[in-house]
Amino acid sequence: MKIALVTDAWMPQVNGVVTTLVELVRELRAAGHQVQVVEPGQFRTRPCPGYAGIDLAIAPARGLAEQLDAFGPDAIHLATEGPLGWAGRRYCLRRRLAFTTAFHTKFPEIVNAAVKVPVSWGYALMRHFHRPSSGVMVPTPSVLAMLRFASDPGMFPGLEERTRPVFLFVGRVSYEKNIDAFLRTELPGTKVVCGVGPVEAQLKARYPDVHWVGLLPRETLAKLYAAADVFVFPSHADTFGLVMVEAMACGTPVAAFPVDGPLTVLARQRRGGGGSLGGAMRDDLRQACMAALSVPRHEARERALDFSWAHAAVLFAGFLVPARPVPAPGAAASVTQMS
């Protein structure tokens, strides 16, 4: 196969992306493929602003088109989102050619650190770049989860300027939810509460630094779940806690006390031990929150997939019994667990 690899990251740059691509090309050629690498050294360049050691191609569109036209590739892969990546994207779109892209680096965070461009702007641009791609390749499952479930803070309005990490509670703001245990816990970053209820006013007065968002539509709530770093479930009273599964489905790990609901939702252990898959349970809620920060988002998503409405419906149907005369008075009824 004739493969065109378009990349803004190439030798003599020294970084993980360059190492990965150089080894990839070596292996592809060893397997018998023809690989044409289009890289900055073939063009006039200038240093990347705020990022010493990386030179970017200047106006590469014509030279890139000439190379690709001459090579006649069977497949085109855009490895980076720099000037060459954008030029390759335009080339493919104008010629109606399918192509693949890759997400190697969290450039929105890098640009934010270097020149203070909001992370949300950077991810909006990344989504625009990758949208016409026929497939986006990522290096790890955690990056896949991050992209799928919108873990960047810009996905939920109002969190862009909040200090991270973001600890989130979703649920009725009522006595039995034990929300005060969460709000009085000393944690870095920002606390967010989504919901309304009878103790809302007094908790707002007692904790003015908390970000209160009220009730949200389901599609907006999903963005909030995904924008949080940890979902905190302080309740001792819930028998299950569906909100924990919703948070994990959005890739957000859970912190909770080791009580009935969490003991069920977080029952599955990580491979090789080391705690619960998808979250952390401790008698000390702060310890649970800090431990949950290190839980990979893809593991939270993996645990959520153990629960589904389809599976619940199958269980429900299986537990039904034929309608028939009730037992004689005093006969014991069976109790069945729906999980």
C-alpha atoms as a PDB file:
ATOM      1  CA  MET A   1       0.000   0.000   0.000  1.00  0.00           C
ATOM      2  CA  LYS A   2       1.154   3.540  -0.762  1.00  0.00           C
ATOM      3  CA  ILE A   3       0.692   5.542   2.452  1.00  0.00           C
ATOM      4  CA  ALA A   4       1.099   9.302   2.791  1.00  0.00           C
ATOM      5  CA  LEU A   5       1.917  10.447   6.332  1.00  0.00           C
ATOM      6  CA  VAL A   6       1.514  14.197   6.843  1.00  0.00           C
ATOM      7  CA  THR A   7       3.040  15.448  10.081  1.00  0.00           C
ATOM      8  CA  ASP A   8       4.191  18.680  11.717  1.00  0.00           C
ATOM      9  CA  ALA A   9       6.213  16.588  14.198  1.00  0.00           C
ATOM     10  CA  TRP A  10       9.347  15.040  12.733  1.00  0.00           C
ATOM     11  CA  MET A  11      13.106  14.887  13.160  1.00  0.00           C
ATOM     12  CA  PRO A  12      15.147  16.716  14.398  1.00  0.00           C
ATOM     13  CA  GLN A  13      12.386  17.419  16.949  1.00  0.00           C
ATOM     14  CA  VAL A  14      12.786  15.259  20.032  1.00  0.00           C
ATOM     15  CA  ASN A  15       9.522  14.170  21.630  1.00  0.00           C
ATOM     16  CA  GLY A  16       7.280  11.144  22.045  1.00  0.00           C
ATOM     17  CA  VAL A  17       5.174  11.870  18.970  1.00  0.00           C
ATOM     18  CA  VAL A  18       8.248  12.013  16.715  1.00  0.00           C
ATOM     19  CA  THR A  19       9.619   8.791  18.184  1.00  0.00           C
ATOM     20  CA  THR A  20       6.272   7.078  17.653  1.00  0.00           C
ATOM     21  CA  LEU A  21       5.948   8.202  14.042  1.00  0.00           C
ATOM     22  CA  VAL A  22       9.556   7.365  13.108  1.00  0.00           C
ATOM     23  CA  GLU A  23       9.160   3.833  14.481  1.00  0.00           C
ATOM     24  CA  LEU A  24       5.762   3.501  12.782  1.00  0.00           C
ATOM     25  CA  VAL A  25       7.229   4.426   9.401  1.00  0.00           C
ATOM     26  CA  ARG A  26      10.125   2.023   9.893  1.00  0.00           C
ATOM     27  CA  GLU A  27       7.769  -0.863  10.641  1.00  0.00           C
ATOM     28  CA  LEU A  28       5.423  -0.020   7.768  1.00  0.00           C
ATOM     29  CA  ARG A  29       8.311   0.004   5.298  1.00  0.00           C
ATOM     30  CA  ALA A  30       9.650  -3.255   6.727  1.00  0.00           C
ATOM     31  CA  ALA A  31       6.215  -4.767   6.090  1.00  0.00           C
ATOM     32  CA  GLY A  32       6.447  -3.820   2.406  1.00  0.00           C
ATOM     33  CA  HIS A  33       4.415  -0.587   2.337  1.00  0.00           C
ATOM     34  CA  GLN A  34       5.565   2.517   0.479  1.00  0.00           C
ATOM     35  CA  VAL A  35       5.457   5.493   2.865  1.00  0.00           C
ATOM     36  CA  GLN A  36       5.781   9.121   1.805  1.00  0.00           C
ATOM     37  CA  VAL A  37       6.380  11.408   4.798  1.00  0.00           C
ATOM     38  CA  VAL A  38       5.430  15.058   4.325  1.00  0.00           C
ATOM     39  CA  GLU A  39       7.176  16.957   7.128  1.00  0.00           C
ATOM     40  CA  PRO A  40       8.388  20.498   7.993  1.00  0.00           C
ATOM     41  CA  GLY A  41      11.968  19.953   6.849  1.00  0.00           C
ATOM     42  CA  GLN A  42      10.720  19.972   3.235  1.00  0.00           C
ATOM     43  CA  PHE A  43       9.453  23.582   3.551  1.00  0.00           C
ATOM     44  CA  ARG A  44      10.452  27.003   4.793  1.00  0.00           C
ATOM     45  CA  THR A  45       9.847  27.063   8.546  1.00  0.00           C
ATOM     46  CA  ARG A  46       9.610  29.322  11.545  1.00  0.00           C
ATOM     47  CA  PRO A  47       9.698  28.475  15.274  1.00  0.00           C
ATOM     48  CA  CYS A  48       6.425  27.649  16.934  1.00  0.00           C
ATOM     49  CA  PRO A  49       5.476  30.607  19.182  1.00  0.00           C
ATOM     50  CA  GLY A  50       6.041  29.777  22.837  1.00  0.00           C
ATOM     51  CA  TYR A  51       7.356  26.295  22.061  1.00  0.00           C
ATOM     52  CA  ALA A  52      11.094  26.239  21.450  1.00  0.00           C
ATOM     53  CA  GLY A  53      12.499  23.340  19.448  1.00  0.00           C
ATOM     54  CA  ILE A  54       9.514  22.937  17.127  1.00  0.00           C
ATOM     55  CA  ASP A  55       9.646  24.500  13.654  1.00  0.00           C
ATOM     56  CA  LEU A  56       6.433  24.838  11.642  1.00  0.00           C
ATOM     57  CA  ALA A  57       6.074  24.876   7.868  1.00  0.00           C
ATOM     58  CA  ILE A  58       5.192  28.237   6.281  1.00  0.00           C
ATOM     59  CA  ALA A  59       2.496  28.196   3.571  1.00  0.00           C
ATOM     60  CA  PRO A  60       2.939  24.485   2.760  1.00  0.00           C
ATOM     61  CA  ALA A  61      -0.258  23.942   0.741  1.00  0.00           C
ATOM     62  CA  ARG A  62       1.243  24.036  -2.781  1.00  0.00           C
ATOM     63  CA  GLY A  63       4.296  21.929  -1.950  1.00  0.00           C
ATOM     64  CA  LEU A  64       2.178  19.390  -0.096  1.00  0.00           C
ATOM     65  CA  ALA A  65      -0.241  19.099  -3.010  1.00  0.00           C
ATOM     66  CA  GLU A  66       2.621  18.585  -5.461  1.00  0.00           C
ATOM     67  CA  GLN A  67       4.092  15.800  -3.342  1.00  0.00           C
ATOM     68  CA  LEU A  68       0.805  13.994  -2.871  1.00  0.00           C
ATOM     69  CA  ASP A  69      -0.204  14.348  -6.518  1.00  0.00           C
ATOM     70  CA  ALA A  70       3.131  12.856  -7.595  1.00  0.00           C
ATOM     71  CA  PHE A  71       2.985  10.041  -5.047  1.00  0.00           C
ATOM     72  CA  GLY A  72      -0.640   9.021  -5.676  1.00  0.00           C
ATOM     73  CA  PRO A  73      -1.269   7.528  -2.205  1.00  0.00           C
ATOM     74  CA  ASP A  74      -3.728   4.736  -1.473  1.00  0.00           C
ATOM     75  CA  ALA A  75      -4.231   6.147   2.041  1.00  0.00           C
ATOM     76  CA  ILE A  76      -3.569   9.522   3.654  1.00  0.00           C
ATOM     77  CA  HIS A  77      -2.997   9.989   7.382  1.00  0.00           C
ATOM     78  CA  LEU A  78      -2.764  13.416   9.049  1.00  0.00           C
ATOM     79  CA  ALA A  79      -0.778  12.873  12.225  1.00  0.00           C
ATOM     80  CA  THR A  80      -0.892  16.400  13.666  1.00  0.00           C
ATOM     81  CA  GLU A  81      -3.080  19.500  13.717  1.00  0.00           C
ATOM     82  CA  GLY A  82      -0.403  22.041  12.702  1.00  0.00           C
ATOM     83  CA  PRO A  83       0.065  23.903   9.376  1.00  0.00           C
ATOM     84  CA  LEU A  84       0.838  20.695   7.467  1.00  0.00           C
ATOM     85  CA  GLY A  85      -2.113  18.893   9.042  1.00  0.00           C
ATOM     86  CA  TRP A  86      -4.494  21.688   8.029  1.00  0.00           C
ATOM     87  CA  ALA A  87      -2.996  21.819   4.530  1.00  0.00           C
ATOM     88  CA  GLY A  88      -3.459  18.055   4.204  1.00  0.00           C
ATOM     89  CA  ARG A  89      -7.037  18.377   5.422  1.00  0.00           C
ATOM     90  CA  ARG A  90      -7.818  21.006   2.752  1.00  0.00           C
ATOM     91  CA  TYR A  91      -6.128  18.884   0.083  1.00  0.00           C
ATOM     92  CA  CYS A  92      -8.277  15.856   0.908  1.00  0.00           C
ATOM     93  CA  LEU A  93     -11.535  17.803   1.224  1.00  0.00           C
ATOM     94  CA  ARG A  94     -11.065  19.597  -2.091  1.00  0.00           C
ATOM     95  CA  ARG A  95     -10.349  16.324  -3.873  1.00  0.00           C
ATOM     96  CA  ARG A  96     -13.054  14.424  -1.945  1.00  0.00           C
ATOM     97  CA  LEU A  97     -10.483  11.973  -0.604  1.00  0.00           C
ATOM     98  CA  ALA A  98     -11.042  10.003   2.585  1.00  0.00           C
ATOM     99  CA  PHE A  99      -8.356  10.385   5.232  1.00  0.00           C
ATOM    100  CA  THR A 100      -7.577   9.534   8.842  1.00  0.00           C
ATOM    101  CA  THR A 101      -6.251  11.763  11.616  1.00  0.00           C
ATOM    102  CA  ALA A 102      -4.578  11.294  15.001  1.00  0.00           C
ATOM    103  CA  PHE A 103      -4.896  12.944  18.399  1.00  0.00           C
ATOM    104  CA  HIS A 104      -1.510  12.608  20.113  1.00  0.00           C
ATOM    105  CA  THR A 105      -1.161  15.724  22.238  1.00  0.00           C
ATOM    106  CA  LYS A 106      -3.429  17.910  24.384  1.00  0.00           C
ATOM    107  CA  PHE A 107      -2.567  21.059  22.452  1.00  0.00           C
ATOM    108  CA  PRO A 108      -5.460  23.075  23.953  1.00  0.00           C
ATOM    109  CA  GLU A 109      -3.902  22.691  27.411  1.00  0.00           C
ATOM    110  CA  ILE A 110      -0.423  23.492  26.068  1.00  0.00           C
ATOM    111  CA  VAL A 111      -1.635  26.632  24.278  1.00  0.00           C
ATOM    112  CA  ASN A 112      -3.552  27.675  27.368  1.00  0.00           C
ATOM    113  CA  ALA A 113      -0.419  27.371  29.504  1.00  0.00           C
ATOM    114  CA  ALA A 114       1.722  29.214  26.944  1.00  0.00           C
ATOM    115  CA  VAL A 115      -0.490  32.082  25.779  1.00  0.00           C
ATOM    116  CA  LYS A 116      -3.657  31.784  27.935  1.00  0.00           C
ATOM    117  CA  VAL A 117      -6.033  30.883  25.096  1.00  0.00           C
ATOM    118  CA  PRO A 118      -9.093  29.266  26.774  1.00  0.00           C
ATOM    119  CA  VAL A 119      -9.001  25.477  26.691  1.00  0.00           C
ATOM    120  CA  SER A 120     -12.584  25.441  25.401  1.00  0.00           C
ATOM    121  CA  TRP A 121     -11.516  27.382  22.284  1.00  0.00           C
ATOM    122  CA  GLY A 122      -8.725  24.917  21.644  1.00  0.00           C
ATOM    123  CA  TYR A 123     -10.995  21.888  21.844  1.00  0.00           C
ATOM    124  CA  ALA A 124     -13.589  23.564  19.631  1.00  0.00           C
ATOM    125  CA  LEU A 125     -10.855  23.956  17.004  1.00  0.00           C
ATOM    126  CA  MET A 126      -9.719  20.344  17.492  1.00  0.00           C
ATOM    127  CA  ARG A 127     -13.253  19.068  16.962  1.00  0.00           C
ATOM    128  CA  HIS A 128     -13.510  21.116  13.775  1.00  0.00           C
ATOM    129  CA  PHE A 129     -10.202  19.722  12.512  1.00  0.00           C
ATOM    130  CA  HIS A 130     -11.080  16.071  13.135  1.00  0.00           C
ATOM    131  CA  ARG A 131     -14.783  16.157  12.203  1.00  0.00           C
ATOM    132  CA  PRO A 132     -14.353  15.218   8.482  1.00  0.00           C
ATOM    133  CA  SER A 133     -11.839  12.476   9.270  1.00  0.00           C
ATOM    134  CA  SER A 134     -12.902   8.908   8.483  1.00  0.00           C
ATOM    135  CA  GLY A 135     -11.210   7.767  11.693  1.00  0.00           C
ATOM    136  CA  VAL A 136      -9.330   9.373  14.582  1.00  0.00           C
ATOM    137  CA  MET A 137      -6.449   7.314  16.007  1.00  0.00           C
ATOM    138  CA  VAL A 138      -5.485   7.794  19.668  1.00  0.00           C
ATOM    139  CA  PRO A 139      -2.534   6.454  21.681  1.00  0.00           C
ATOM    140  CA  THR A 140      -4.325   5.126  24.780  1.00  0.00           C
ATOM    141  CA  PRO A 141      -7.777   4.066  26.036  1.00  0.00           C
ATOM    142  CA  SER A 142      -7.785   7.016  28.458  1.00  0.00           C
ATOM    143  CA  VAL A 143      -7.380   9.481  25.587  1.00  0.00           C
ATOM    144  CA  LEU A 144     -10.195   7.701  23.762  1.00  0.00           C
ATOM    145  CA  ALA A 145     -12.444   8.103  26.801  1.00  0.00           C
ATOM    146  CA  MET A 146     -11.443  11.737  27.192  1.00  0.00           C
ATOM    147  CA  LEU A 147     -12.387  12.527  23.602  1.00  0.00           C
ATOM    148  CA  ARG A 148     -15.589  10.480  23.586  1.00  0.00           C
ATOM    149  CA  PHE A 149     -16.981  11.902  26.774  1.00  0.00           C
ATOM    150  CA  ALA A 150     -15.883  15.511  26.474  1.00  0.00           C
ATOM    151  CA  SER A 151     -13.722  15.709  29.547  1.00  0.00           C
ATOM    152  CA  ASP A 152     -12.465  19.179  28.745  1.00  0.00           C
ATOM    153  CA  PRO A 153     -13.948  21.864  31.031  1.00  0.00           C
ATOM    154  CA  GLY A 154     -15.110  24.019  28.140  1.00  0.00           C
ATOM    155  CA  MET A 155     -17.869  21.529  27.350  1.00  0.00           C
ATOM    156  CA  PHE A 156     -19.956  22.959  30.220  1.00  0.00           C
ATOM    157  CA  PRO A 157     -20.507  26.734  30.293  1.00  0.00           C
ATOM    158  CA  GLY A 158     -19.384  28.347  33.520  1.00  0.00           C
ATOM    159  CA  LEU A 159     -16.608  25.888  34.360  1.00  0.00           C
ATOM    160  CA  GLU A 160     -13.980  27.282  31.968  1.00  0.00           C
ATOM    161  CA  GLU A 161     -12.541  29.671  34.530  1.00  0.00           C
ATOM    162  CA  ARG A 162     -13.084  27.458  37.571  1.00  0.00           C
ATOM    163  CA  THR A 163     -10.072  26.041  39.381  1.00  0.00           C
ATOM    164  CA  ARG A 164      -9.567  22.344  38.782  1.00  0.00           C
ATOM    165  CA  PRO A 165     -10.086  19.669  39.886  1.00  0.00           C
ATOM    166  CA  VAL A 166     -13.876  19.889  39.743  1.00  0.00           C
ATOM    167  CA  PHE A 167     -15.795  17.800  42.297  1.00  0.00           C
ATOM    168  CA  LEU A 168     -19.475  17.345  41.404  1.00  0.00           C
ATOM    169  CA  PHE A 169     -22.635  16.324  43.246  1.00  0.00           C
ATOM    170  CA  VAL A 170     -25.877  15.670  41.342  1.00  0.00           C
ATOM    171  CA  GLY A 171     -29.129  14.893  43.088  1.00  0.00           C
ATOM    172  CA  ARG A 172     -31.919  16.217  45.240  1.00  0.00           C
ATOM    173  CA  VAL A 173     -30.599  18.803  47.709  1.00  0.00           C
ATOM    174  CA  SER A 174     -32.261  17.236  50.707  1.00  0.00           C
ATOM    175  CA  TYR A 175     -31.424  15.963  54.186  1.00  0.00           C
ATOM    176  CA  GLU A 176     -30.931  12.301  53.371  1.00  0.00           C
ATOM    177  CA  LYS A 177     -28.309  12.965  50.683  1.00  0.00           C
ATOM    178  CA  ASN A 178     -25.719  14.022  53.303  1.00  0.00           C
ATOM    179  CA  ILE A 179     -24.495  16.805  50.987  1.00  0.00           C
ATOM    180  CA  ASP A 180     -23.051  18.727  53.915  1.00  0.00           C
ATOM    181  CA  ALA A 181     -20.428  15.990  54.327  1.00  0.00           C
ATOM    182  CA  PHE A 182     -19.196  16.791  50.825  1.00  0.00           C
ATOM    183  CA  LEU A 183     -19.384  20.567  51.121  1.00  0.00           C
ATOM    184  CA  ARG A 184     -17.507  20.756  54.424  1.00  0.00           C
ATOM    185  CA  THR A 185     -14.722  18.468  53.193  1.00  0.00           C
ATOM    186  CA  GLU A 186     -11.524  20.379  52.405  1.00  0.00           C
ATOM    187  CA  LEU A 187     -10.669  19.741  48.765  1.00  0.00           C
ATOM    188  CA  PRO A 188      -8.577  21.499  46.136  1.00  0.00           C
ATOM    189  CA  GLY A 189     -10.280  23.080  43.134  1.00  0.00           C
ATOM    190  CA  THR A 190     -14.017  23.654  42.755  1.00  0.00           C
ATOM    191  CA  LYS A 191     -17.166  22.085  44.180  1.00  0.00           C
ATOM    192  CA  VAL A 192     -20.295  21.984  41.999  1.00  0.00           C
ATOM    193  CA  VAL A 193     -23.826  21.068  43.085  1.00  0.00           C
ATOM    194  CA  CYS A 194     -26.543  20.269  40.533  1.00  0.00           C
ATOM    195  CA  GLY A 195     -30.054  19.941  41.901  1.00  0.00           C
ATOM    196  CA  VAL A 196     -32.687  21.626  44.041  1.00  0.00           C
ATOM    197  CA  GLY A 197     -34.409  20.730  47.295  1.00  0.00           C
ATOM    198  CA  PRO A 198     -35.449  21.684  50.810  1.00  0.00           C
ATOM    199  CA  VAL A 199     -31.953  22.383  52.222  1.00  0.00           C
ATOM    200  CA  GLU A 200     -30.697  24.268  49.174  1.00  0.00           C
ATOM    201  CA  ALA A 201     -31.119  27.768  50.633  1.00  0.00           C
ATOM    202  CA  GLN A 202     -29.347  27.019  53.900  1.00  0.00           C
ATOM    203  CA  LEU A 203     -26.487  25.201  52.164  1.00  0.00           C
ATOM    204  CA  LYS A 204     -26.043  28.061  49.695  1.00  0.00           C
ATOM    205  CA  ALA A 205     -25.825  30.501  52.605  1.00  0.00           C
ATOM    206  CA  ARG A 206     -23.334  28.294  54.457  1.00  0.00           C
ATOM    207  CA  TYR A 207     -21.155  27.505  51.404  1.00  0.00           C
ATOM    208  CA  PRO A 208     -21.100  30.586  49.122  1.00  0.00           C
ATOM    209  CA  ASP A 209     -17.973  29.441  47.279  1.00  0.00           C
ATOM    210  CA  VAL A 210     -19.740  26.376  45.858  1.00  0.00           C
ATOM    211  CA  HIS A 211     -20.891  26.597  42.229  1.00  0.00           C
ATOM    212  CA  TRP A 212     -24.669  25.957  42.265  1.00  0.00           C
ATOM    213  CA  VAL A 213     -26.257  25.167  38.882  1.00  0.00           C
ATOM    214  CA  GLY A 214     -29.811  24.123  39.814  1.00  0.00           C
ATOM    215  CA  LEU A 215     -31.768  21.734  37.591  1.00  0.00           C
ATOM    216  CA  LEU A 216     -30.468  20.941  34.100  1.00  0.00           C
ATOM    217  CA  PRO A 217     -31.901  19.236  30.986  1.00  0.00           C
ATOM    218  CA  ARG A 218     -30.584  15.709  30.500  1.00  0.00           C
ATOM    219  CA  GLU A 219     -28.355  16.572  27.529  1.00  0.00           C
ATOM    220  CA  THR A 220     -26.794  19.482  29.455  1.00  0.00           C
ATOM    221  CA  LEU A 221     -26.387  17.336  32.547  1.00  0.00           C
ATOM    222  CA  ALA A 222     -24.337  14.846  30.530  1.00  0.00           C
ATOM    223  CA  LYS A 223     -21.916  17.637  29.639  1.00  0.00           C
ATOM    224  CA  LEU A 224     -21.627  18.602  33.291  1.00  0.00           C
ATOM    225  CA  TYR A 225     -20.908  15.009  34.309  1.00  0.00           C
ATOM    226  CA  ALA A 226     -18.208  14.802  31.639  1.00  0.00           C
ATOM    227  CA  ALA A 227     -16.657  18.144  32.596  1.00  0.00           C
ATOM    228  CA  ALA A 228     -16.138  17.092  36.228  1.00  0.00           C
ATOM    229  CA  ASP A 229     -12.996  15.373  37.462  1.00  0.00           C
ATOM    230  CA  VAL A 230     -14.716  13.417  40.264  1.00  0.00           C
ATOM    231  CA  PHE A 231     -18.357  12.684  41.071  1.00  0.00           C
ATOM    232  CA  VAL A 232     -18.912  12.758  44.835  1.00  0.00           C
ATOM    233  CA  PHE A 233     -21.677  10.593  46.316  1.00  0.00           C
ATOM    234  CA  PRO A 234     -21.877  11.318  50.068  1.00  0.00           C
ATOM    235  CA  SER A 235     -25.192   9.575  50.784  1.00  0.00           C
ATOM    236  CA  HIS A 236     -25.520   6.791  53.350  1.00  0.00           C
ATOM    237  CA  ALA A 237     -29.227   6.284  52.632  1.00  0.00           C
ATOM    238  CA  ASP A 238     -29.473   5.324  48.944  1.00  0.00           C
ATOM    239  CA  THR A 239     -29.966   1.662  48.120  1.00  0.00           C
ATOM    240  CA  PHE A 240     -28.351   2.039  44.672  1.00  0.00           C
ATOM    241  CA  GLY A 241     -27.499   5.521  43.368  1.00  0.00           C
ATOM    242  CA  LEU A 242     -28.208   5.760  39.642  1.00  0.00           C
ATOM    243  CA  VAL A 243     -26.340   9.064  39.430  1.00  0.00           C
ATOM    244  CA  MET A 244     -23.082   7.207  40.056  1.00  0.00           C
ATOM    245  CA  VAL A 245     -23.648   5.075  36.961  1.00  0.00           C
ATOM    246  CA  GLU A 246     -24.577   8.174  34.934  1.00  0.00           C
ATOM    247  CA  ALA A 247     -21.344   9.892  35.986  1.00  0.00           C
ATOM    248  CA  MET A 248     -19.217   6.851  35.134  1.00  0.00           C
ATOM    249  CA  ALA A 249     -20.978   6.522  31.775  1.00  0.00           C
ATOM    250  CA  CYS A 250     -19.576   9.994  31.017  1.00  0.00           C
ATOM    251  CA  GLY A 251     -16.101   8.868  32.066  1.00  0.00           C
ATOM    252  CA  THR A 252     -16.122  10.496  35.512  1.00  0.00           C
ATOM    253  CA  PRO A 253     -14.902   8.398  38.470  1.00  0.00           C
ATOM    254  CA  VAL A 254     -16.891   8.258  41.707  1.00  0.00           C
ATOM    255  CA  ALA A 255     -15.881   9.005  45.304  1.00  0.00           C
ATOM    256  CA  ALA A 256     -18.143   7.594  48.020  1.00  0.00           C
ATOM    257  CA  PHE A 257     -18.447   6.081  51.461  1.00  0.00           C
ATOM    258  CA  PRO A 258     -18.351   2.241  51.584  1.00  0.00           C
ATOM    259  CA  VAL A 259     -22.095   1.870  52.203  1.00  0.00           C
ATOM    260  CA  ASP A 260     -24.948  -0.006  50.513  1.00  0.00           C
ATOM    261  CA  GLY A 261     -25.338   1.852  47.197  1.00  0.00           C
ATOM    262  CA  PRO A 262     -21.648   2.410  46.390  1.00  0.00           C
ATOM    263  CA  LEU A 263     -20.738  -1.083  47.552  1.00  0.00           C
ATOM    264  CA  THR A 264     -22.950  -2.363  44.733  1.00  0.00           C
ATOM    265  CA  VAL A 265     -22.069   0.182  42.036  1.00  0.00           C
ATOM    266  CA  LEU A 266     -18.325   0.029  42.746  1.00  0.00           C
ATOM    267  CA  ALA A 267     -18.213  -3.679  43.586  1.00  0.00           C
ATOM    268  CA  ARG A 268     -16.087  -4.738  40.616  1.00  0.00           C
ATOM    269  CA  GLN A 269     -12.361  -4.658  41.346  1.00  0.00           C
ATOM    270  CA  ARG A 270      -9.642  -3.327  39.043  1.00  0.00           C
ATOM    271  CA  ARG A 271      -7.560  -5.918  37.230  1.00  0.00           C
ATOM    272  CA  GLY A 272      -4.714  -7.001  39.462  1.00  0.00           C
ATOM    273  CA  GLY A 273      -6.360  -5.461  42.523  1.00  0.00           C
ATOM    274  CA  GLY A 274      -5.754  -1.928  43.671  1.00  0.00           C
ATOM    275  CA  GLY A 275      -9.302  -0.811  44.392  1.00  0.00           C
ATOM    276  CA  SER A 276     -12.692  -0.497  42.781  1.00  0.00           C
ATOM    277  CA  LEU A 277     -13.125  -0.200  39.035  1.00  0.00           C
ATOM    278  CA  GLY A 278     -14.504   3.242  38.296  1.00  0.00           C
ATOM    279  CA  GLY A 279     -14.035   4.976  41.616  1.00  0.00           C
ATOM    280  CA  ALA A 280     -12.884   4.934  45.227  1.00  0.00           C
ATOM    281  CA  MET A 281     -14.609   4.224  48.548  1.00  0.00           C
ATOM    282  CA  ARG A 282     -13.219   5.319  51.903  1.00  0.00           C
ATOM    283  CA  ASP A 283     -14.600   5.999  55.380  1.00  0.00           C
ATOM    284  CA  ASP A 284     -12.879   9.396  54.994  1.00  0.00           C
ATOM    285  CA  LEU A 285     -14.609  11.209  52.123  1.00  0.00           C
ATOM    286  CA  ARG A 286     -11.608  13.428  51.394  1.00  0.00           C
ATOM    287  CA  GLN A 287      -9.412  10.362  50.959  1.00  0.00           C
ATOM    288  CA  ALA A 288     -12.013   8.873  48.612  1.00  0.00           C
ATOM    289  CA  CYS A 289     -12.105  12.070  46.539  1.00  0.00           C
ATOM    290  CA  MET A 290      -8.333  12.287  46.224  1.00  0.00           C
ATOM    291  CA  ALA A 291      -8.071   8.587  45.352  1.00  0.00           C
ATOM    292  CA  ALA A 292     -10.775   8.946  42.682  1.00  0.00           C
ATOM    293  CA  LEU A 293      -8.694  11.640  40.975  1.00  0.00           C
ATOM    294  CA  SER A 294      -6.190   8.965  39.962  1.00  0.00           C
ATOM    295  CA  VAL A 295      -8.813   6.574  38.539  1.00  0.00           C
ATOM    296  CA  PRO A 296      -8.535   6.510  34.712  1.00  0.00           C
ATOM    297  CA  ARG A 297     -11.655   7.842  33.017  1.00  0.00           C
ATOM    298  CA  HIS A 298     -11.832   4.879  30.659  1.00  0.00           C
ATOM    299  CA  GLU A 299     -12.113   2.573  33.685  1.00  0.00           C
ATOM    300  CA  ALA A 300     -15.106   4.553  34.952  1.00  0.00           C
ATOM    301  CA  ARG A 301     -16.732   4.151  31.560  1.00  0.00           C
ATOM    302  CA  GLU A 302     -15.897   0.434  31.520  1.00  0.00           C
ATOM    303  CA  ARG A 303     -17.650  -0.097  34.845  1.00  0.00           C
ATOM    304  CA  ALA A 304     -20.725   1.838  33.674  1.00  0.00           C
ATOM    305  CA  LEU A 305     -21.091  -0.582  30.764  1.00  0.00           C
ATOM    306  CA  ASP A 306     -21.829  -3.326  33.293  1.00  0.00           C
ATOM    307  CA  PHE A 307     -25.166  -1.613  33.865  1.00  0.00           C
ATOM    308  CA  SER A 308     -27.757  -1.101  31.134  1.00  0.00           C
ATOM    309  CA  TRP A 309     -31.497  -0.608  30.856  1.00  0.00           C
ATOM    310  CA  ALA A 310     -31.652  -3.577  28.477  1.00  0.00           C
ATOM    311  CA  HIS A 311     -30.023  -5.826  31.061  1.00  0.00           C
ATOM    312  CA  ALA A 312     -32.341  -4.501  33.774  1.00  0.00           C
ATOM    313  CA  ALA A 313     -35.362  -5.231  31.578  1.00  0.00           C
ATOM    314  CA  VAL A 314     -34.167  -8.804  30.981  1.00  0.00           C
ATOM    315  CA  LEU A 315     -33.711  -9.313  34.718  1.00  0.00           C
ATOM    316  CA  PHE A 316     -37.127  -7.820  35.439  1.00  0.00           C
ATOM    317  CA  ALA A 317     -38.877 -10.072  32.927  1.00  0.00           C
ATOM    318  CA  GLY A 318     -37.051 -13.095  34.312  1.00  0.00           C
ATOM    319  CA  PHE A 319     -38.190 -12.345  37.839  1.00  0.00           C
ATOM    320  CA  LEU A 320     -41.886 -12.102  36.963  1.00  0.00           C
ATOM    321  CA  VAL A 321     -44.162 -14.990  37.889  1.00  0.00           C
ATOM    322  CA  PRO A 322     -47.321 -16.253  36.185  1.00  0.00           C
ATOM    323  CA  ALA A 323     -50.507 -14.673  37.478  1.00  0.00           C
ATOM    324  CA  ARG A 324     -52.218 -17.218  39.714  1.00  0.00           C
ATOM    325  CA  PRO A 325     -54.123 -17.356  42.966  1.00  0.00           C
ATOM    326  CA  VAL A 326     -52.155 -15.855  45.836  1.00  0.00           C
ATOM    327  CA  PRO A 327     -50.728 -18.222  48.480  1.00  0.00           C
ATOM    328  CA  ALA A 328     -52.700 -18.990  51.596  1.00  0.00           C
ATOM    329  CA  PRO A 329     -52.409 -16.414  54.381  1.00  0.00           C
ATOM    330  CA  GLY A 330     -49.148 -16.715  56.268  1.00  0.00           C
ATOM    331  CA  ALA A 331     -47.135 -18.117  53.334  1.00  0.00           C
ATOM    332  CA  ALA A 332     -43.803 -16.353  52.831  1.00  0.00           C
ATOM    333  CA  ALA A 333     -43.195 -14.366  49.648  1.00  0.00           C
ATOM    334  CA  SER A 334     -39.815 -14.606  47.956  1.00  0.00           C
ATOM    335  CA  VAL A 335     -37.453 -11.613  47.842  1.00  0.00           C
ATOM    336  CA  THR A 336     -35.379 -11.199  44.664  1.00  0.00           C
ATOM    337  CA  GLN A 337     -32.374  -8.940  44.142  1.00  0.00           C
ATOM    338  CA  MET A 338     -32.562  -6.797  40.982  1.00  0.00           C
ATOM    339  CA  SER A 339     -28.841  -6.458  40.414  1.00  0.00           C
END
